[in-house]
Amino acid sequence: YDGAASMSGIYNGVQSHIRQIYPSAMYVHCSAHIL
């Protein structure tokens, strides 16, 4: 995902909620968004 708080937040972001259910789903900041 991009780096928006709603997507990348470590507590209430999308990646955090999904990792609570699927711990193997590692989050990576989108390279295109970083560029």
PDB file of all heavy atoms in Angstrom:
ATOM      1  N   TYR A   1       0.844  -1.185   0.000  1.00  0.00           N
ATOM      2  CA  TYR A   1       0.000   0.000   0.000  1.00  0.00           C
ATOM      3  C   TYR A   1       0.885   1.243   0.000  1.00  0.00           C
ATOM      4  O   TYR A   1       2.116   1.154   0.088  1.00  0.00           O
ATOM      5  CB  TYR A   1      -0.913   0.044   1.235  1.00  0.00           C
ATOM      6  CG  TYR A   1      -1.569  -1.262   1.592  1.00  0.00           C
ATOM      7  CD1 TYR A   1      -1.424  -1.813   2.860  1.00  0.00           C
ATOM      8  CD2 TYR A   1      -2.340  -1.939   0.654  1.00  0.00           C
ATOM      9  CE1 TYR A   1      -2.029  -3.010   3.190  1.00  0.00           C
ATOM     10  CE2 TYR A   1      -2.944  -3.139   0.980  1.00  0.00           C
ATOM     11  CZ  TYR A   1      -2.781  -3.674   2.249  1.00  0.00           C
ATOM     12  OH  TYR A   1      -3.377  -4.861   2.564  1.00  0.00           O
ATOM     13  N   ASP A   2       0.242   2.417  -0.048  1.00  0.00           N
ATOM     14  CA  ASP A   2       0.995   3.656   0.088  1.00  0.00           C
ATOM     15  C   ASP A   2       1.268   3.924   1.574  1.00  0.00           C
ATOM     16  O   ASP A   2       0.943   3.114   2.442  1.00  0.00           O
ATOM     17  CB  ASP A   2       0.253   4.826  -0.574  1.00  0.00           C
ATOM     18  CG  ASP A   2      -1.138   5.043   0.023  1.00  0.00           C
ATOM     19  OD1 ASP A   2      -1.350   4.675   1.195  1.00  0.00           O
ATOM     20  OD2 ASP A   2      -2.011   5.577  -0.685  1.00  0.00           O
ATOM     21  N   GLY A   3       1.851   5.084   1.853  1.00  0.00           N
ATOM     22  CA  GLY A   3       2.249   5.384   3.224  1.00  0.00           C
ATOM     23  C   GLY A   3       1.226   6.137   4.027  1.00  0.00           C
ATOM     24  O   GLY A   3       1.547   6.646   5.113  1.00  0.00           O
ATOM     25  N   ALA A   4      -0.012   6.242   3.551  1.00  0.00           N
ATOM     26  CA  ALA A   4      -1.053   6.946   4.308  1.00  0.00           C
ATOM     27  C   ALA A   4      -1.302   6.230   5.631  1.00  0.00           C
ATOM     28  O   ALA A   4      -1.167   5.011   5.743  1.00  0.00           O
ATOM     29  CB  ALA A   4      -2.336   7.020   3.498  1.00  0.00           C
ATOM     30  N   ALA A   5      -1.684   7.015   6.647  1.00  0.00           N
ATOM     31  CA  ALA A   5      -1.866   6.452   7.983  1.00  0.00           C
ATOM     32  C   ALA A   5      -2.935   5.366   8.006  1.00  0.00           C
ATOM     33  O   ALA A   5      -2.805   4.365   8.713  1.00  0.00           O
ATOM     34  CB  ALA A   5      -2.218   7.572   8.958  1.00  0.00           C
ATOM     35  N   SER A   6      -3.998   5.556   7.224  1.00  0.00           N
ATOM     36  CA  SER A   6      -5.079   4.559   7.214  1.00  0.00           C
ATOM     37  C   SER A   6      -4.640   3.239   6.593  1.00  0.00           C
ATOM     38  O   SER A   6      -5.268   2.202   6.830  1.00  0.00           O
ATOM     39  CB  SER A   6      -6.294   5.099   6.447  1.00  0.00           C
ATOM     40  OG  SER A   6      -5.944   5.374   5.094  1.00  0.00           O
ATOM     41  N   MET A   7      -3.562   3.264   5.805  1.00  0.00           N
ATOM     42  CA  MET A   7      -3.077   2.046   5.158  1.00  0.00           C
ATOM     43  C   MET A   7      -1.883   1.438   5.890  1.00  0.00           C
ATOM     44  O   MET A   7      -1.830   0.233   6.102  1.00  0.00           O
ATOM     45  CB  MET A   7      -2.685   2.340   3.705  1.00  0.00           C
ATOM     46  CG  MET A   7      -3.778   2.975   2.871  1.00  0.00           C
ATOM     47  SD  MET A   7      -5.254   1.971   2.690  1.00  0.00           S
ATOM     48  CE  MET A   7      -4.651   0.673   1.623  1.00  0.00           C
ATOM     49  N   SER A   8      -0.922   2.271   6.290  1.00  0.00           N
ATOM     50  CA  SER A   8       0.345   1.764   6.831  1.00  0.00           C
ATOM     51  C   SER A   8       0.458   1.871   8.339  1.00  0.00           C
ATOM     52  O   SER A   8       1.480   1.462   8.904  1.00  0.00           O
ATOM     53  CB  SER A   8       1.512   2.525   6.193  1.00  0.00           C
ATOM     54  OG  SER A   8       1.455   3.903   6.539  1.00  0.00           O
ATOM     55  N   GLY A   9      -0.536   2.445   9.024  1.00  0.00           N
ATOM     56  CA  GLY A   9      -0.445   2.632  10.466  1.00  0.00           C
ATOM     57  C   GLY A   9      -0.171   1.336  11.214  1.00  0.00           C
ATOM     58  O   GLY A   9      -0.760   0.292  10.918  1.00  0.00           O
ATOM     59  N   ILE A  10       0.730   1.395  12.217  1.00  0.00           N
ATOM     60  CA  ILE A  10       1.145   0.179  12.918  1.00  0.00           C
ATOM     61  C   ILE A  10       0.100  -0.284  13.935  1.00  0.00           C
ATOM     62  O   ILE A  10       0.166  -1.416  14.425  1.00  0.00           O
ATOM     63  CB  ILE A  10       2.502   0.383  13.624  1.00  0.00           C
ATOM     64  CG1 ILE A  10       2.390   1.522  14.649  1.00  0.00           C
ATOM     65  CG2 ILE A  10       3.598   0.670  12.608  1.00  0.00           C
ATOM     66  CD1 ILE A  10       3.651   1.704  15.480  1.00  0.00           C
ATOM     67  N   TYR A  11      -0.866   0.568  14.257  1.00  0.00           N
ATOM     68  CA  TYR A  11      -1.889   0.198  15.224  1.00  0.00           C
ATOM     69  C   TYR A  11      -3.268   0.053  14.576  1.00  0.00           C
ATOM     70  O   TYR A  11      -3.962  -0.947  14.794  1.00  0.00           O
ATOM     71  CB  TYR A  11      -1.943   1.226  16.355  1.00  0.00           C
ATOM     72  CG  TYR A  11      -0.659   1.331  17.136  1.00  0.00           C
ATOM     73  CD1 TYR A  11       0.132   2.469  17.050  1.00  0.00           C
ATOM     74  CD2 TYR A  11      -0.228   0.278  17.940  1.00  0.00           C
ATOM     75  CE1 TYR A  11       1.319   2.574  17.755  1.00  0.00           C
ATOM     76  CE2 TYR A  11       0.966   0.365  18.650  1.00  0.00           C
ATOM     77  CZ  TYR A  11       1.729   1.515  18.563  1.00  0.00           C
ATOM     78  OH  TYR A  11       2.908   1.609  19.253  1.00  0.00           O
ATOM     79  N   ASN A  12      -3.677   1.035  13.792  1.00  0.00           N
ATOM     80  CA  ASN A  12      -5.010   1.024  13.207  1.00  0.00           C
ATOM     81  C   ASN A  12      -4.998   1.076  11.683  1.00  0.00           C
ATOM     82  O   ASN A  12      -6.034   1.358  11.073  1.00  0.00           O
ATOM     83  CB  ASN A  12      -5.848   2.193  13.760  1.00  0.00           C
ATOM     84  CG  ASN A  12      -6.185   2.014  15.225  1.00  0.00           C
ATOM     85  OD1 ASN A  12      -6.603   0.939  15.637  1.00  0.00           O
ATOM     86  ND2 ASN A  12      -5.978   3.057  16.014  1.00  0.00           N
ATOM     87  N   GLY A  13      -3.857   0.827  11.072  1.00  0.00           N
ATOM     88  CA  GLY A  13      -3.784   0.808   9.620  1.00  0.00           C
ATOM     89  C   GLY A  13      -4.320  -0.494   9.047  1.00  0.00           C
ATOM     90  O   GLY A  13      -4.514  -1.487   9.764  1.00  0.00           O
ATOM     91  N   VAL A  14      -4.550  -0.497   7.738  1.00  0.00           N
ATOM     92  CA  VAL A  14      -5.045  -1.708   7.067  1.00  0.00           C
ATOM     93  C   VAL A  14      -4.082  -2.867   7.275  1.00  0.00           C
ATOM     94  O   VAL A  14      -4.493  -3.992   7.608  1.00  0.00           O
ATOM     95  CB  VAL A  14      -5.236  -1.433   5.558  1.00  0.00           C
ATOM     96  CG1 VAL A  14      -5.546  -2.730   4.824  1.00  0.00           C
ATOM     97  CG2 VAL A  14      -6.351  -0.427   5.338  1.00  0.00           C
ATOM     98  N   GLN A  15      -2.796  -2.592   7.090  1.00  0.00           N
ATOM     99  CA  GLN A  15      -1.816  -3.673   7.204  1.00  0.00           C
ATOM    100  C   GLN A  15      -1.790  -4.275   8.596  1.00  0.00           C
ATOM    101  O   GLN A  15      -1.601  -5.480   8.772  1.00  0.00           O
ATOM    102  CB  GLN A  15      -0.431  -3.156   6.801  1.00  0.00           C
ATOM    103  CG  GLN A  15       0.169  -2.079   7.683  1.00  0.00           C
ATOM    104  CD  GLN A  15       1.029  -2.650   8.798  1.00  0.00           C
ATOM    105  OE1 GLN A  15       1.421  -3.827   8.739  1.00  0.00           O
ATOM    106  NE2 GLN A  15       1.331  -1.837   9.809  1.00  0.00           N
ATOM    107  N   SER A  16      -2.016  -3.441   9.627  1.00  0.00           N
ATOM    108  CA  SER A  16      -2.019  -3.940  11.001  1.00  0.00           C
ATOM    109  C   SER A  16      -3.206  -4.859  11.252  1.00  0.00           C
ATOM    110  O   SER A  16      -3.065  -5.940  11.849  1.00  0.00           O
ATOM    111  CB  SER A  16      -2.047  -2.760  11.974  1.00  0.00           C
ATOM    112  OG  SER A  16      -2.170  -3.203  13.313  1.00  0.00           O
ATOM    113  N   HIS A  17      -4.382  -4.462  10.811  1.00  0.00           N
ATOM    114  CA  HIS A  17      -5.578  -5.290  11.025  1.00  0.00           C
ATOM    115  C   HIS A  17      -5.488  -6.604  10.262  1.00  0.00           C
ATOM    116  O   HIS A  17      -5.936  -7.653  10.774  1.00  0.00           O
ATOM    117  CB  HIS A  17      -6.829  -4.513  10.597  1.00  0.00           C
ATOM    118  CG  HIS A  17      -7.184  -3.386  11.515  1.00  0.00           C
ATOM    119  ND1 HIS A  17      -7.728  -3.580  12.767  1.00  0.00           N
ATOM    120  CD2 HIS A  17      -7.065  -2.033  11.370  1.00  0.00           C
ATOM    121  CE1 HIS A  17      -7.933  -2.421  13.353  1.00  0.00           C
ATOM    122  NE2 HIS A  17      -7.553  -1.454  12.533  1.00  0.00           N
ATOM    123  N   ILE A  18      -4.927  -6.577   9.059  1.00  0.00           N
ATOM    124  CA  ILE A  18      -4.810  -7.815   8.283  1.00  0.00           C
ATOM    125  C   ILE A  18      -3.770  -8.742   8.901  1.00  0.00           C
ATOM    126  O   ILE A  18      -3.960  -9.964   8.960  1.00  0.00           O
ATOM    127  CB  ILE A  18      -4.469  -7.489   6.813  1.00  0.00           C
ATOM    128  CG1 ILE A  18      -5.672  -6.825   6.134  1.00  0.00           C
ATOM    129  CG2 ILE A  18      -4.077  -8.756   6.049  1.00  0.00           C
ATOM    130  CD1 ILE A  18      -5.460  -6.482   4.679  1.00  0.00           C
ATOM    131  N   ARG A  19      -2.674  -8.178   9.428  1.00  0.00           N
ATOM    132  CA  ARG A  19      -1.635  -9.014  10.027  1.00  0.00           C
ATOM    133  C   ARG A  19      -2.096  -9.645  11.331  1.00  0.00           C
ATOM    134  O   ARG A  19      -1.561 -10.676  11.743  1.00  0.00           O
ATOM    135  CB  ARG A  19      -0.370  -8.193  10.259  1.00  0.00           C
ATOM    136  CG  ARG A  19       0.358  -7.813   8.975  1.00  0.00           C
ATOM    137  CD  ARG A  19       1.784  -7.404   9.238  1.00  0.00           C
ATOM    138  NE  ARG A  19       2.586  -8.539   9.653  1.00  0.00           N
ATOM    139  CZ  ARG A  19       3.887  -8.455   9.955  1.00  0.00           C
ATOM    140  NH1 ARG A  19       4.502  -7.280   9.900  1.00  0.00           N
ATOM    141  NH2 ARG A  19       4.565  -9.508  10.328  1.00  0.00           N
ATOM    142  N   GLN A  20      -3.070  -9.055  11.964  1.00  0.00           N
ATOM    143  CA  GLN A  20      -3.627  -9.689  13.168  1.00  0.00           C
ATOM    144  C   GLN A  20      -4.321 -10.997  12.825  1.00  0.00           C
ATOM    145  O   GLN A  20      -4.360 -11.925  13.638  1.00  0.00           O
ATOM    146  CB  GLN A  20      -4.604  -8.732  13.848  1.00  0.00           C
ATOM    147  CG  GLN A  20      -3.953  -7.504  14.478  1.00  0.00           C
ATOM    148  CD  GLN A  20      -4.975  -6.547  15.065  1.00  0.00           C
ATOM    149  OE1 GLN A  20      -6.159  -6.890  15.187  1.00  0.00           O
ATOM    150  NE2 GLN A  20      -4.539  -5.353  15.433  1.00  0.00           N
ATOM    151  N   ILE A  21      -4.859 -11.085  11.619  1.00  0.00           N
ATOM    152  CA  ILE A  21      -5.549 -12.303  11.183  1.00  0.00           C
ATOM    153  C   ILE A  21      -4.604 -13.215  10.406  1.00  0.00           C
ATOM    154  O   ILE A  21      -4.627 -14.437  10.575  1.00  0.00           O
ATOM    155  CB  ILE A  21      -6.768 -11.944  10.315  1.00  0.00           C
ATOM    156  CG1 ILE A  21      -7.685 -10.974  11.062  1.00  0.00           C
ATOM    157  CG2 ILE A  21      -7.543 -13.194   9.910  1.00  0.00           C
ATOM    158  CD1 ILE A  21      -8.838 -10.458  10.222  1.00  0.00           C
ATOM    159  N   TYR A  22      -3.755 -12.606   9.564  1.00  0.00           N
ATOM    160  CA  TYR A  22      -2.798 -13.369   8.752  1.00  0.00           C
ATOM    161  C   TYR A  22      -1.393 -12.832   9.029  1.00  0.00           C
ATOM    162  O   TYR A  22      -0.898 -11.949   8.326  1.00  0.00           O
ATOM    163  CB  TYR A  22      -3.145 -13.250   7.270  1.00  0.00           C
ATOM    164  CG  TYR A  22      -4.541 -13.716   6.941  1.00  0.00           C
ATOM    165  CD1 TYR A  22      -5.591 -12.809   6.804  1.00  0.00           C
ATOM    166  CD2 TYR A  22      -4.822 -15.075   6.792  1.00  0.00           C
ATOM    167  CE1 TYR A  22      -6.878 -13.243   6.525  1.00  0.00           C
ATOM    168  CE2 TYR A  22      -6.107 -15.512   6.513  1.00  0.00           C
ATOM    169  CZ  TYR A  22      -7.125 -14.591   6.379  1.00  0.00           C
ATOM    170  OH  TYR A  22      -8.400 -15.027   6.108  1.00  0.00           O
ATOM    171  N   PRO A  23      -0.716 -13.349  10.056  1.00  0.00           N
ATOM    172  CA  PRO A  23       0.595 -12.818  10.480  1.00  0.00           C
ATOM    173  C   PRO A  23       1.674 -12.904   9.408  1.00  0.00           C
ATOM    174  O   PRO A  23       2.651 -12.138   9.453  1.00  0.00           O
ATOM    175  CB  PRO A  23       0.956 -13.696  11.686  1.00  0.00           C
ATOM    176  CG  PRO A  23      -0.354 -14.269  12.152  1.00  0.00           C
ATOM    177  CD  PRO A  23      -1.182 -14.438  10.922  1.00  0.00           C
ATOM    178  N   SER A  24       1.524 -13.810   8.447  1.00  0.00           N
ATOM    179  CA  SER A  24       2.560 -13.970   7.414  1.00  0.00           C
ATOM    180  C   SER A  24       2.471 -12.920   6.318  1.00  0.00           C
ATOM    181  O   SER A  24       3.362 -12.843   5.467  1.00  0.00           O
ATOM    182  CB  SER A  24       2.454 -15.366   6.786  1.00  0.00           C
ATOM    183  OG  SER A  24       2.629 -16.378   7.752  1.00  0.00           O
ATOM    184  N   ALA A  25       1.423 -12.110   6.337  1.00  0.00           N
ATOM    185  CA  ALA A  25       1.232 -11.100   5.282  1.00  0.00           C
ATOM    186  C   ALA A  25       2.053  -9.854   5.615  1.00  0.00           C
ATOM    187  O   ALA A  25       1.553  -8.909   6.234  1.00  0.00           O
ATOM    188  CB  ALA A  25      -0.241 -10.762   5.129  1.00  0.00           C
ATOM    189  N   MET A  26       3.313  -9.840   5.223  1.00  0.00           N
ATOM    190  CA  MET A  26       4.220  -8.744   5.537  1.00  0.00           C
ATOM    191  C   MET A  26       3.880  -7.499   4.704  1.00  0.00           C
ATOM    192  O   MET A  26       3.589  -7.602   3.508  1.00  0.00           O
ATOM    193  CB  MET A  26       5.661  -9.159   5.262  1.00  0.00           C
ATOM    194  CG  MET A  26       6.699  -8.109   5.640  1.00  0.00           C
ATOM    195  SD  MET A  26       8.383  -8.686   5.365  1.00  0.00           S
ATOM    196  CE  MET A  26       8.383  -8.885   3.586  1.00  0.00           C
ATOM    197  N   TYR A  27       3.922  -6.335   5.358  1.00  0.00           N
ATOM    198  CA  TYR A  27       3.603  -5.080   4.665  1.00  0.00           C
ATOM    199  C   TYR A  27       4.874  -4.460   4.080  1.00  0.00           C
ATOM    200  O   TYR A  27       5.916  -4.395   4.739  1.00  0.00           O
ATOM    201  CB  TYR A  27       2.949  -4.094   5.637  1.00  0.00           C
ATOM    202  CG  TYR A  27       2.922  -2.669   5.126  1.00  0.00           C
ATOM    203  CD1 TYR A  27       2.135  -2.318   4.043  1.00  0.00           C
ATOM    204  CD2 TYR A  27       3.710  -1.687   5.726  1.00  0.00           C
ATOM    205  CE1 TYR A  27       2.119  -1.021   3.558  1.00  0.00           C
ATOM    206  CE2 TYR A  27       3.695  -0.384   5.257  1.00  0.00           C
ATOM    207  CZ  TYR A  27       2.896  -0.054   4.174  1.00  0.00           C
ATOM    208  OH  TYR A  27       2.890   1.225   3.708  1.00  0.00           O
ATOM    209  N   VAL A  28       4.766  -3.989   2.828  1.00  0.00           N
ATOM    210  CA  VAL A  28       5.863  -3.297   2.148  1.00  0.00           C
ATOM    211  C   VAL A  28       5.304  -2.006   1.560  1.00  0.00           C
ATOM    212  O   VAL A  28       4.272  -2.029   0.870  1.00  0.00           O
ATOM    213  CB  VAL A  28       6.478  -4.159   1.025  1.00  0.00           C
ATOM    214  CG1 VAL A  28       7.570  -3.379   0.303  1.00  0.00           C
ATOM    215  CG2 VAL A  28       7.040  -5.450   1.602  1.00  0.00           C
ATOM    216  N   HIS A  29       5.963  -0.900   1.850  1.00  0.00           N
ATOM    217  CA  HIS A  29       5.538   0.389   1.293  1.00  0.00           C
ATOM    218  C   HIS A  29       5.701   0.362  -0.221  1.00  0.00           C
ATOM    219  O   HIS A  29       6.760  -0.012  -0.741  1.00  0.00           O
ATOM    220  CB  HIS A  29       6.388   1.503   1.902  1.00  0.00           C
ATOM    221  CG  HIS A  29       5.849   2.877   1.634  1.00  0.00           C
ATOM    222  ND1 HIS A  29       6.253   3.985   2.335  1.00  0.00           N
ATOM    223  CD2 HIS A  29       4.934   3.332   0.748  1.00  0.00           C
ATOM    224  CE1 HIS A  29       5.617   5.061   1.895  1.00  0.00           C
ATOM    225  NE2 HIS A  29       4.814   4.674   0.920  1.00  0.00           N
ATOM    226  N   CYS A  30       4.674   0.789  -0.939  1.00  0.00           N
ATOM    227  CA  CYS A  30       4.682   0.770  -2.401  1.00  0.00           C
ATOM    228  C   CYS A  30       5.885   1.533  -2.956  1.00  0.00           C
ATOM    229  O   CYS A  30       6.101   2.708  -2.623  1.00  0.00           O
ATOM    230  CB  CYS A  30       3.377   1.381  -2.911  1.00  0.00           C
ATOM    231  SG  CYS A  30       3.316   1.583  -4.700  1.00  0.00           S
ATOM    232  N   SER A  31       6.667   0.890  -3.815  1.00  0.00           N
ATOM    233  CA  SER A  31       7.873   1.518  -4.366  1.00  0.00           C
ATOM    234  C   SER A  31       7.536   2.721  -5.238  1.00  0.00           C
ATOM    235  O   SER A  31       8.242   3.724  -5.225  1.00  0.00           O
ATOM    236  CB  SER A  31       8.666   0.492  -5.189  1.00  0.00           C
ATOM    237  OG  SER A  31       9.067  -0.589  -4.378  1.00  0.00           O
ATOM    238  N   ALA A  32       6.448   2.614  -6.008  1.00  0.00           N
ATOM    239  CA  ALA A  32       6.055   3.731  -6.866  1.00  0.00           C
ATOM    240  C   ALA A  32       5.667   4.948  -6.023  1.00  0.00           C
ATOM    241  O   ALA A  32       5.981   6.091  -6.387  1.00  0.00           O
ATOM    242  CB  ALA A  32       4.899   3.318  -7.770  1.00  0.00           C
ATOM    243  N   HIS A  33       5.002   4.698  -4.891  1.00  0.00           N
ATOM    244  CA  HIS A  33       4.615   5.814  -4.017  1.00  0.00           C
ATOM    245  C   HIS A  33       5.845   6.433  -3.365  1.00  0.00           C
ATOM    246  O   HIS A  33       5.923   7.655  -3.193  1.00  0.00           O
ATOM    247  CB  HIS A  33       3.635   5.321  -2.950  1.00  0.00           C
ATOM    248  CG  HIS A  33       3.061   6.417  -2.110  1.00  0.00           C
ATOM    249  ND1 HIS A  33       3.430   6.618  -0.802  1.00  0.00           N
ATOM    250  CD2 HIS A  33       2.159   7.386  -2.399  1.00  0.00           C
ATOM    251  CE1 HIS A  33       2.779   7.661  -0.308  1.00  0.00           C
ATOM    252  NE2 HIS A  33       1.998   8.137  -1.254  1.00  0.00           N
ATOM    253  N   ILE A  34       6.822   5.602  -2.992  1.00  0.00           N
ATOM    254  CA  ILE A  34       8.071   6.124  -2.425  1.00  0.00           C
ATOM    255  C   ILE A  34       8.777   7.006  -3.441  1.00  0.00           C
ATOM    256  O   ILE A  34       9.267   8.096  -3.117  1.00  0.00           O
ATOM    257  CB  ILE A  34       8.981   4.965  -1.985  1.00  0.00           C
ATOM    258  CG1 ILE A  34       8.363   4.228  -0.791  1.00  0.00           C
ATOM    259  CG2 ILE A  34      10.372   5.473  -1.619  1.00  0.00           C
ATOM    260  CD1 ILE A  34       9.150   3.030  -0.341  1.00  0.00           C
ATOM    261  N   LEU A  35       8.844   6.542  -4.701  1.00  0.00           N
ATOM    262  CA  LEU A  35       9.483   7.339  -5.750  1.00  0.00           C
ATOM    263  C   LEU A  35       8.755   8.662  -5.927  1.00  0.00           C
ATOM    264  O   LEU A  35       9.387   9.711  -6.098  1.00  0.00           O
ATOM    265  CB  LEU A  35       9.488   6.551  -7.060  1.00  0.00           C
ATOM    266  CG  LEU A  35      10.058   7.287  -8.285  1.00  0.00           C
ATOM    267  CD1 LEU A  35      11.516   7.675  -8.055  1.00  0.00           C
ATOM    268  CD2 LEU A  35       9.925   6.431  -9.536  1.00  0.00           C
TER     269      LEU A  35
END
